[in-house]
Amino acid sequence: MDRERIIYSINIEDVQTVAMDELDRELTDEELEIVEREIGDYFHWHDAISFCIMHHITLPKKENLNY
């Protein structure tokens, strides 16, 4: 598997959809630049990945482990 492959991304349409839901308007170009610059500070990627793994991937049962 390509280790540089992007798994998830957020595009301008996604941001504008949330802006319409929250502000009842689209963001200006300047506001979009702020979101683009700052969104990583609010996205806890480690927690999101961990939650997804724990929710969807199970560990093998102890009796099947060969230690």
C-alpha atoms as a PDB file:
ATOM      1  CA  MET A   1       0.000   0.000   0.000  1.00  0.00           C
ATOM      2  CA  ASP A   2       1.263   3.486  -0.862  1.00  0.00           C
ATOM      3  CA  ARG A   3       2.200   5.052   2.499  1.00  0.00           C
ATOM      4  CA  GLU A   4       1.692   8.567   1.073  1.00  0.00           C
ATOM      5  CA  ARG A   5      -1.877   7.905  -0.081  1.00  0.00           C
ATOM      6  CA  ILE A   6      -4.376  10.344   1.444  1.00  0.00           C
ATOM      7  CA  ILE A   7      -7.099   8.550   3.368  1.00  0.00           C
ATOM      8  CA  TYR A   8      -9.385  11.474   4.165  1.00  0.00           C
ATOM      9  CA  SER A   9      -9.590  15.060   3.039  1.00  0.00           C
ATOM     10  CA  ILE A  10     -11.843  18.059   3.535  1.00  0.00           C
ATOM     11  CA  ASN A  11     -12.569  20.296   0.580  1.00  0.00           C
ATOM     12  CA  ILE A  12     -14.006  23.798   0.207  1.00  0.00           C
ATOM     13  CA  GLU A  13     -17.486  22.424  -0.469  1.00  0.00           C
ATOM     14  CA  ASP A  14     -17.361  20.590   2.877  1.00  0.00           C
ATOM     15  CA  VAL A  15     -16.340  23.779   4.682  1.00  0.00           C
ATOM     16  CA  GLN A  16     -19.005  25.849   2.930  1.00  0.00           C
ATOM     17  CA  THR A  17     -21.668  23.268   3.809  1.00  0.00           C
ATOM     18  CA  VAL A  18     -20.765  23.594   7.492  1.00  0.00           C
ATOM     19  CA  ALA A  19     -20.668  27.393   7.200  1.00  0.00           C
ATOM     20  CA  MET A  20     -24.191  27.381   5.756  1.00  0.00           C
ATOM     21  CA  ASP A  21     -25.365  25.099   8.580  1.00  0.00           C
ATOM     22  CA  GLU A  22     -23.710  27.196  11.289  1.00  0.00           C
ATOM     23  CA  LEU A  23     -23.793  30.765   9.919  1.00  0.00           C
ATOM     24  CA  ASP A  24     -26.477  30.590   7.237  1.00  0.00           C
ATOM     25  CA  ARG A  25     -23.945  31.936   4.723  1.00  0.00           C
ATOM     26  CA  GLU A  26     -20.834  30.889   2.863  1.00  0.00           C
ATOM     27  CA  LEU A  27     -17.401  31.992   3.985  1.00  0.00           C
ATOM     28  CA  THR A  28     -15.391  34.620   2.156  1.00  0.00           C
ATOM     29  CA  ASP A  29     -12.042  33.784   0.588  1.00  0.00           C
ATOM     30  CA  GLU A  30     -10.302  35.370   3.569  1.00  0.00           C
ATOM     31  CA  GLU A  31     -12.352  33.299   6.006  1.00  0.00           C
ATOM     32  CA  LEU A  32     -11.632  30.142   4.017  1.00  0.00           C
ATOM     33  CA  GLU A  33      -7.915  30.895   4.282  1.00  0.00           C
ATOM     34  CA  ILE A  34      -8.281  31.081   8.079  1.00  0.00           C
ATOM     35  CA  VAL A  35     -10.078  27.733   8.174  1.00  0.00           C
ATOM     36  CA  GLU A  36      -7.475  26.183   5.875  1.00  0.00           C
ATOM     37  CA  ARG A  37      -4.636  27.464   8.032  1.00  0.00           C
ATOM     38  CA  GLU A  38      -6.174  26.628  11.422  1.00  0.00           C
ATOM     39  CA  ILE A  39      -8.333  23.508  10.975  1.00  0.00           C
ATOM     40  CA  GLY A  40      -5.502  21.165  11.868  1.00  0.00           C
ATOM     41  CA  ASP A  41      -5.429  22.661  15.362  1.00  0.00           C
ATOM     42  CA  TYR A  42      -8.999  21.448  15.941  1.00  0.00           C
ATOM     43  CA  PHE A  43      -8.817  18.061  14.262  1.00  0.00           C
ATOM     44  CA  HIS A  44      -7.530  15.415  16.641  1.00  0.00           C
ATOM     45  CA  TRP A  45      -6.378  12.961  14.000  1.00  0.00           C
ATOM     46  CA  HIS A  46      -4.831  10.493  16.454  1.00  0.00           C
ATOM     47  CA  ASP A  47      -8.088  10.179  18.374  1.00  0.00           C
ATOM     48  CA  ALA A  48     -10.120   9.819  15.167  1.00  0.00           C
ATOM     49  CA  ILE A  49      -7.857   7.054  13.860  1.00  0.00           C
ATOM     50  CA  SER A  50      -7.769   5.289  17.237  1.00  0.00           C
ATOM     51  CA  PHE A  51     -11.553   5.406  17.596  1.00  0.00           C
ATOM     52  CA  CYS A  52     -12.047   4.024  14.094  1.00  0.00           C
ATOM     53  CA  ILE A  53      -9.580   1.191  14.695  1.00  0.00           C
ATOM     54  CA  MET A  54     -11.103   0.267  18.062  1.00  0.00           C
ATOM     55  CA  HIS A  55     -14.644   0.457  16.666  1.00  0.00           C
ATOM     56  CA  HIS A  56     -14.091  -1.607  13.518  1.00  0.00           C
ATOM     57  CA  ILE A  57     -11.061  -3.842  14.039  1.00  0.00           C
ATOM     58  CA  THR A  58     -11.010  -6.589  16.608  1.00  0.00           C
ATOM     59  CA  LEU A  59      -8.000  -8.276  18.137  1.00  0.00           C
ATOM     60  CA  PRO A  60      -7.583 -12.014  17.720  1.00  0.00           C
ATOM     61  CA  LYS A  61      -8.738 -14.093  20.677  1.00  0.00           C
ATOM     62  CA  LYS A  62      -5.994 -15.045  23.141  1.00  0.00           C
ATOM     63  CA  GLU A  63      -6.218 -18.735  22.325  1.00  0.00           C
ATOM     64  CA  ASN A  64      -5.319 -17.955  18.686  1.00  0.00           C
ATOM     65  CA  LEU A  65      -2.193 -15.989  19.548  1.00  0.00           C
ATOM     66  CA  ASN A  66       1.153 -17.718  19.196  1.00  0.00           C
ATOM     67  CA  TYR A  67       3.549 -16.021  21.613  1.00  0.00           C
END
